[in-house]
Amino acid sequence: MKPKTRSELHSENRFGQPASISNEVIEPVGQFYEGCFKCAAEINAEAASFVCHRMEEDMKLPQQFAQCQNPIEVYNTQIGFYMHMMDDYIREGQKMLDMARSITMNGGITSNNPTSSPKATNGAED
């Protein structure tokens, strides 16, 4: 069987001629998707940076345990590690929420530091 030509395939299309779309429609759609991809890239970069930070912190724990002299120090080291870890995850979660809010409210991330507002940091700096 011989393959069909483009015109033959188009003639079988039950929806008729393809719609003509003007640049007035295409440009905003393109800009929207460009903004979405930029925002996704920024969020992915932030997530990768956080994972790297947490891995560095996790790798310090065995050295801290090695310096412990008694079970109380081991306990305190472990509790301190978990408390710091939870603080990191809470801060990062807030940062991600702020980035997502910025995307939805402003149509895109407007700065490289979406958590620059006092509300976002809650004064919890290390």
N, C-alpha and C. Protein backbone atom coordinates (compact mmCIF):
# COMPACT_ATOMS: atom_id res chain seq x y z
N MET A 1 0.84 -1.18 0.00
CA MET A 1 0.00 0.00 0.00
C MET A 1 0.88 1.24 0.00
N LYS A 2 0.56 2.17 -0.84
CA LYS A 2 1.32 3.40 -1.02
C LYS A 2 1.01 4.38 0.12
N PRO A 3 2.05 5.02 0.72
CA PRO A 3 1.79 5.99 1.78
C PRO A 3 1.00 7.18 1.23
N LYS A 4 0.17 7.76 2.09
CA LYS A 4 -0.67 8.89 1.68
C LYS A 4 0.14 10.19 1.73
N THR A 5 -0.21 11.08 0.84
CA THR A 5 0.44 12.40 0.82
C THR A 5 -0.20 13.27 1.89
N ARG A 6 0.44 14.38 2.12
CA ARG A 6 -0.07 15.31 3.12
C ARG A 6 -1.48 15.79 2.77
N SER A 7 -1.70 16.13 1.52
CA SER A 7 -3.03 16.62 1.13
C SER A 7 -4.08 15.51 1.28
N GLU A 8 -3.69 14.27 1.00
CA GLU A 8 -4.63 13.17 1.18
C GLU A 8 -4.96 12.97 2.66
N LEU A 9 -3.95 13.07 3.50
CA LEU A 9 -4.18 12.94 4.94
C LEU A 9 -5.06 14.08 5.44
N HIS A 10 -4.79 15.29 4.95
CA HIS A 10 -5.55 16.45 5.40
C HIS A 10 -7.00 16.37 4.95
N SER A 11 -7.22 15.85 3.77
CA SER A 11 -8.59 15.76 3.27
C SER A 11 -9.42 14.79 4.11
N GLU A 12 -8.76 13.85 4.80
CA GLU A 12 -9.48 12.90 5.64
C GLU A 12 -9.75 13.45 7.04
N ASN A 13 -9.18 14.62 7.32
CA ASN A 13 -9.35 15.23 8.64
C ASN A 13 -10.79 15.72 8.78
N ARG A 14 -11.52 15.20 9.69
CA ARG A 14 -12.92 15.54 9.83
C ARG A 14 -13.14 16.90 10.49
N PHE A 15 -12.08 17.52 10.96
CA PHE A 15 -12.21 18.82 11.62
C PHE A 15 -12.02 19.98 10.66
N GLY A 16 -11.73 19.72 9.42
CA GLY A 16 -11.57 20.79 8.44
C GLY A 16 -10.19 21.39 8.46
N GLN A 17 -10.10 22.58 7.94
CA GLN A 17 -8.81 23.28 7.83
C GLN A 17 -8.29 23.63 9.23
N PRO A 18 -6.98 23.55 9.38
CA PRO A 18 -6.42 23.95 10.67
C PRO A 18 -6.70 25.44 10.92
N ALA A 19 -6.91 25.78 12.15
CA ALA A 19 -7.19 27.17 12.50
C ALA A 19 -5.95 28.01 12.28
N SER A 20 -6.16 29.20 11.83
CA SER A 20 -5.07 30.15 11.66
C SER A 20 -4.90 30.89 12.98
N ILE A 21 -3.69 30.87 13.51
CA ILE A 21 -3.43 31.51 14.79
C ILE A 21 -2.49 32.68 14.55
N SER A 22 -2.90 33.83 15.02
CA SER A 22 -2.10 35.04 14.81
C SER A 22 -0.98 35.12 15.84
N ASN A 23 0.00 35.97 15.53
CA ASN A 23 1.10 36.20 16.46
C ASN A 23 0.61 36.83 17.76
N GLU A 24 -0.52 37.53 17.71
CA GLU A 24 -1.08 38.14 18.92
C GLU A 24 -1.46 37.08 19.94
N VAL A 25 -1.80 35.89 19.46
CA VAL A 25 -2.16 34.79 20.34
C VAL A 25 -0.92 33.98 20.71
N ILE A 26 -0.06 33.76 19.75
CA ILE A 26 1.10 32.90 19.96
C ILE A 26 2.12 33.52 20.91
N GLU A 27 2.39 34.82 20.78
CA GLU A 27 3.41 35.46 21.62
C GLU A 27 3.12 35.36 23.11
N PRO A 28 1.91 35.73 23.57
CA PRO A 28 1.66 35.61 25.01
C PRO A 28 1.76 34.17 25.52
N VAL A 29 1.31 33.22 24.72
CA VAL A 29 1.40 31.82 25.12
C VAL A 29 2.87 31.42 25.24
N GLY A 30 3.68 31.82 24.27
CA GLY A 30 5.11 31.53 24.32
C GLY A 30 5.78 32.16 25.52
N GLN A 31 5.41 33.41 25.81
CA GLN A 31 5.97 34.10 26.97
C GLN A 31 5.55 33.41 28.27
N PHE A 32 4.31 32.97 28.32
CA PHE A 32 3.83 32.25 29.51
C PHE A 32 4.65 30.99 29.75
N TYR A 33 4.83 30.20 28.70
CA TYR A 33 5.58 28.95 28.86
C TYR A 33 7.05 29.21 29.14
N GLU A 34 7.60 30.25 28.54
CA GLU A 34 8.98 30.61 28.82
C GLU A 34 9.13 30.95 30.30
N GLY A 35 8.18 31.72 30.84
CA GLY A 35 8.21 32.05 32.27
C GLY A 35 8.07 30.82 33.14
N CYS A 36 7.19 29.91 32.73
CA CYS A 36 7.01 28.66 33.50
C CYS A 36 8.30 27.86 33.56
N PHE A 37 8.97 27.73 32.41
CA PHE A 37 10.21 26.96 32.38
C PHE A 37 11.31 27.64 33.18
N LYS A 38 11.38 28.96 33.13
CA LYS A 38 12.38 29.68 33.93
C LYS A 38 12.12 29.47 35.42
N CYS A 39 10.86 29.56 35.81
CA CYS A 39 10.51 29.35 37.22
C CYS A 39 10.83 27.92 37.65
N ALA A 40 10.50 26.96 36.81
CA ALA A 40 10.80 25.57 37.13
C ALA A 40 12.30 25.37 37.28
N ALA A 41 13.08 26.01 36.42
CA ALA A 41 14.54 25.90 36.50
C ALA A 41 15.06 26.50 37.81
N GLU A 42 14.49 27.64 38.21
CA GLU A 42 14.92 28.26 39.47
C GLU A 42 14.55 27.40 40.67
N ILE A 43 13.36 26.83 40.65
CA ILE A 43 12.95 25.96 41.75
C ILE A 43 13.82 24.71 41.79
N ASN A 44 14.12 24.13 40.64
CA ASN A 44 15.00 22.95 40.60
C ASN A 44 16.39 23.29 41.10
N ALA A 45 16.91 24.46 40.73
CA ALA A 45 18.23 24.87 41.20
C ALA A 45 18.23 25.03 42.72
N GLU A 46 17.16 25.62 43.25
CA GLU A 46 17.04 25.78 44.70
C GLU A 46 16.99 24.43 45.40
N ALA A 47 16.21 23.50 44.85
CA ALA A 47 16.11 22.16 45.44
C ALA A 47 17.46 21.45 45.41
N ALA A 48 18.18 21.56 44.30
CA ALA A 48 19.50 20.92 44.20
C ALA A 48 20.48 21.54 45.19
N SER A 49 20.41 22.85 45.35
CA SER A 49 21.28 23.53 46.31
C SER A 49 20.98 23.05 47.73
N PHE A 50 19.69 22.90 48.05
CA PHE A 50 19.32 22.44 49.38
C PHE A 50 19.79 21.01 49.63
N VAL A 51 19.63 20.14 48.66
CA VAL A 51 20.08 18.75 48.80
C VAL A 51 21.60 18.72 49.04
N CYS A 52 22.32 19.53 48.31
CA CYS A 52 23.78 19.61 48.49
C CYS A 52 24.11 20.07 49.91
N HIS A 53 23.42 21.11 50.38
CA HIS A 53 23.64 21.61 51.75
C HIS A 53 23.36 20.52 52.79
N ARG A 54 22.24 19.81 52.63
CA ARG A 54 21.88 18.77 53.60
C ARG A 54 22.89 17.63 53.57
N MET A 55 23.36 17.27 52.41
CA MET A 55 24.36 16.19 52.33
C MET A 55 25.65 16.60 53.04
N GLU A 56 26.06 17.85 52.88
CA GLU A 56 27.25 18.33 53.59
C GLU A 56 27.05 18.25 55.10
N GLU A 57 25.88 18.68 55.55
CA GLU A 57 25.58 18.61 56.99
C GLU A 57 25.54 17.16 57.47
N ASP A 58 24.94 16.28 56.69
CA ASP A 58 24.86 14.86 57.06
C ASP A 58 26.24 14.23 57.16
N MET A 59 27.15 14.64 56.29
CA MET A 59 28.49 14.07 56.28
C MET A 59 29.32 14.51 57.49
N LYS A 60 28.92 15.57 58.16
CA LYS A 60 29.63 16.03 59.36
C LYS A 60 29.28 15.20 60.59
N LEU A 61 28.15 14.53 60.56
CA LEU A 61 27.66 13.83 61.76
C LEU A 61 28.61 12.73 62.26
N PRO A 62 29.14 11.86 61.40
CA PRO A 62 30.05 10.83 61.94
C PRO A 62 31.27 11.42 62.66
N GLN A 63 31.81 12.52 62.14
CA GLN A 63 32.95 13.17 62.80
C GLN A 63 32.53 13.72 64.17
N GLN A 64 31.33 14.26 64.23
CA GLN A 64 30.84 14.77 65.52
C GLN A 64 30.64 13.63 66.52
N PHE A 65 30.13 12.50 66.05
CA PHE A 65 29.98 11.33 66.93
C PHE A 65 31.34 10.84 67.41
N ALA A 66 32.33 10.86 66.54
CA ALA A 66 33.66 10.38 66.90
C ALA A 66 34.29 11.21 68.02
N GLN A 67 33.88 12.45 68.14
CA GLN A 67 34.43 13.33 69.17
C GLN A 67 33.71 13.19 70.51
N CYS A 68 32.62 12.46 70.53
CA CYS A 68 31.85 12.29 71.78
C CYS A 68 32.61 11.40 72.76
N GLN A 69 32.54 11.75 74.04
CA GLN A 69 33.26 11.03 75.08
C GLN A 69 32.35 10.12 75.90
N ASN A 70 31.04 10.34 75.85
CA ASN A 70 30.13 9.54 76.65
C ASN A 70 28.75 9.52 75.98
N PRO A 71 27.86 8.66 76.46
CA PRO A 71 26.53 8.54 75.84
C PRO A 71 25.71 9.83 75.86
N ILE A 72 25.90 10.65 76.88
CA ILE A 72 25.16 11.91 76.96
C ILE A 72 25.57 12.83 75.80
N GLU A 73 26.86 12.87 75.49
CA GLU A 73 27.34 13.68 74.37
C GLU A 73 26.80 13.14 73.04
N VAL A 74 26.74 11.81 72.92
CA VAL A 74 26.18 11.21 71.71
C VAL A 74 24.72 11.63 71.56
N TYR A 75 23.98 11.53 72.65
CA TYR A 75 22.57 11.91 72.65
C TYR A 75 22.41 13.38 72.26
N ASN A 76 23.18 14.26 72.90
CA ASN A 76 23.09 15.70 72.62
C ASN A 76 23.48 16.01 71.17
N THR A 77 24.49 15.32 70.67
CA THR A 77 24.90 15.52 69.28
C THR A 77 23.79 15.09 68.33
N GLN A 78 23.19 13.95 68.62
CA GLN A 78 22.13 13.45 67.76
C GLN A 78 20.90 14.37 67.80
N ILE A 79 20.51 14.80 68.97
CA ILE A 79 19.36 15.71 69.11
C ILE A 79 19.66 17.03 68.40
N GLY A 80 20.86 17.55 68.59
CA GLY A 80 21.25 18.80 67.92
C GLY A 80 21.19 18.66 66.41
N PHE A 81 21.66 17.52 65.91
CA PHE A 81 21.62 17.26 64.47
C PHE A 81 20.18 17.26 63.97
N TYR A 82 19.30 16.55 64.66
CA TYR A 82 17.90 16.47 64.22
C TYR A 82 17.20 17.82 64.31
N MET A 83 17.48 18.58 65.34
CA MET A 83 16.86 19.90 65.48
C MET A 83 17.32 20.82 64.33
N HIS A 84 18.61 20.81 64.04
CA HIS A 84 19.14 21.63 62.95
C HIS A 84 18.56 21.17 61.61
N MET A 85 18.45 19.86 61.42
CA MET A 85 17.90 19.31 60.19
C MET A 85 16.44 19.77 60.02
N MET A 86 15.66 19.67 61.07
CA MET A 86 14.26 20.09 60.98
C MET A 86 14.15 21.58 60.68
N ASP A 87 15.00 22.38 61.31
CA ASP A 87 15.00 23.82 61.00
C ASP A 87 15.30 24.06 59.53
N ASP A 88 16.29 23.33 59.01
CA ASP A 88 16.63 23.46 57.58
C ASP A 88 15.45 23.11 56.69
N TYR A 89 14.80 21.99 56.98
CA TYR A 89 13.68 21.56 56.14
C TYR A 89 12.49 22.53 56.24
N ILE A 90 12.24 23.05 57.42
CA ILE A 90 11.15 24.01 57.58
C ILE A 90 11.45 25.29 56.81
N ARG A 91 12.68 25.80 56.94
CA ARG A 91 13.08 27.01 56.21
C ARG A 91 13.00 26.78 54.70
N GLU A 92 13.49 25.62 54.25
CA GLU A 92 13.46 25.34 52.81
C GLU A 92 12.04 25.18 52.31
N GLY A 93 11.20 24.54 53.10
CA GLY A 93 9.79 24.41 52.71
C GLY A 93 9.13 25.76 52.57
N GLN A 94 9.43 26.67 53.52
CA GLN A 94 8.87 28.03 53.44
C GLN A 94 9.40 28.75 52.21
N LYS A 95 10.68 28.56 51.92
CA LYS A 95 11.27 29.21 50.74
C LYS A 95 10.60 28.71 49.46
N MET A 96 10.37 27.39 49.38
CA MET A 96 9.71 26.82 48.20
C MET A 96 8.28 27.34 48.07
N LEU A 97 7.58 27.43 49.21
CA LEU A 97 6.22 27.98 49.17
C LEU A 97 6.23 29.43 48.71
N ASP A 98 7.19 30.21 49.18
CA ASP A 98 7.29 31.60 48.75
C ASP A 98 7.59 31.70 47.26
N MET A 99 8.44 30.81 46.76
CA MET A 99 8.74 30.81 45.32
C MET A 99 7.48 30.46 44.54
N ALA A 100 6.76 29.46 44.98
CA ALA A 100 5.53 29.05 44.30
C ALA A 100 4.49 30.18 44.36
N ARG A 101 4.39 30.84 45.49
CA ARG A 101 3.46 31.96 45.63
C ARG A 101 3.85 33.08 44.68
N SER A 102 5.13 33.36 44.59
CA SER A 102 5.60 34.40 43.69
C SER A 102 5.25 34.07 42.24
N ILE A 103 5.38 32.81 41.89
CA ILE A 103 5.06 32.38 40.52
C ILE A 103 3.58 32.59 40.25
N THR A 104 2.73 32.15 41.16
CA THR A 104 1.29 32.23 40.90
C THR A 104 0.76 33.64 41.04
N MET A 105 1.28 34.42 41.94
CA MET A 105 0.77 35.77 42.15
C MET A 105 1.33 36.79 41.16
N ASN A 106 2.59 36.62 40.77
CA ASN A 106 3.26 37.61 39.93
C ASN A 106 3.48 37.13 38.51
N GLY A 107 3.10 35.93 38.23
CA GLY A 107 3.34 35.39 36.89
C GLY A 107 4.78 35.02 36.67
N GLY A 108 5.56 34.94 37.71
CA GLY A 108 6.96 34.54 37.59
C GLY A 108 7.75 35.00 38.79
N ILE A 109 8.90 34.43 39.01
CA ILE A 109 9.77 34.84 40.11
C ILE A 109 10.35 36.19 39.74
N THR A 110 10.18 37.16 40.62
CA THR A 110 10.55 38.53 40.28
C THR A 110 11.97 38.90 40.72
N SER A 111 12.59 38.08 41.55
CA SER A 111 13.95 38.36 41.98
C SER A 111 14.67 37.05 42.22
N ASN A 112 15.97 37.14 42.41
CA ASN A 112 16.75 35.93 42.69
C ASN A 112 16.56 35.46 44.12
N ASN A 113 15.97 36.31 44.96
CA ASN A 113 15.76 35.94 46.35
C ASN A 113 14.30 36.15 46.70
N PRO A 114 13.45 35.15 46.43
CA PRO A 114 12.03 35.33 46.69
C PRO A 114 11.68 35.40 48.16
N THR A 115 12.63 35.10 49.04
CA THR A 115 12.34 35.12 50.47
C THR A 115 12.95 36.35 51.13
N SER A 116 13.09 37.43 50.39
CA SER A 116 13.71 38.61 50.96
C SER A 116 12.79 39.37 51.90
N SER A 117 11.51 39.03 51.94
CA SER A 117 10.59 39.71 52.84
C SER A 117 10.81 39.23 54.27
N PRO A 118 10.56 40.10 55.25
CA PRO A 118 10.73 39.69 56.65
C PRO A 118 9.83 38.53 57.03
N LYS A 119 8.64 38.46 56.45
CA LYS A 119 7.72 37.37 56.76
C LYS A 119 8.31 36.03 56.36
N ALA A 120 9.02 35.98 55.23
CA ALA A 120 9.55 34.72 54.71
C ALA A 120 10.67 34.16 55.58
N THR A 121 11.53 35.04 56.11
CA THR A 121 12.67 34.54 56.87
C THR A 121 12.34 34.35 58.34
N ASN A 122 11.34 35.05 58.84
CA ASN A 122 10.93 34.94 60.25
C ASN A 122 12.08 35.18 61.20
N GLY A 123 13.11 35.89 60.72
CA GLY A 123 14.24 36.20 61.59
C GLY A 123 15.07 35.01 61.96
N ALA A 124 14.89 33.87 61.33
CA ALA A 124 15.64 32.66 61.69
C ALA A 124 16.86 32.52 60.80
N GLU A 125 17.89 33.25 61.11
CA GLU A 125 19.13 33.16 60.35
C GLU A 125 20.18 32.45 61.18
N ASP A 126 21.03 31.69 60.52
CA ASP A 126 22.12 30.98 61.23
C ASP A 126 23.34 31.85 61.33
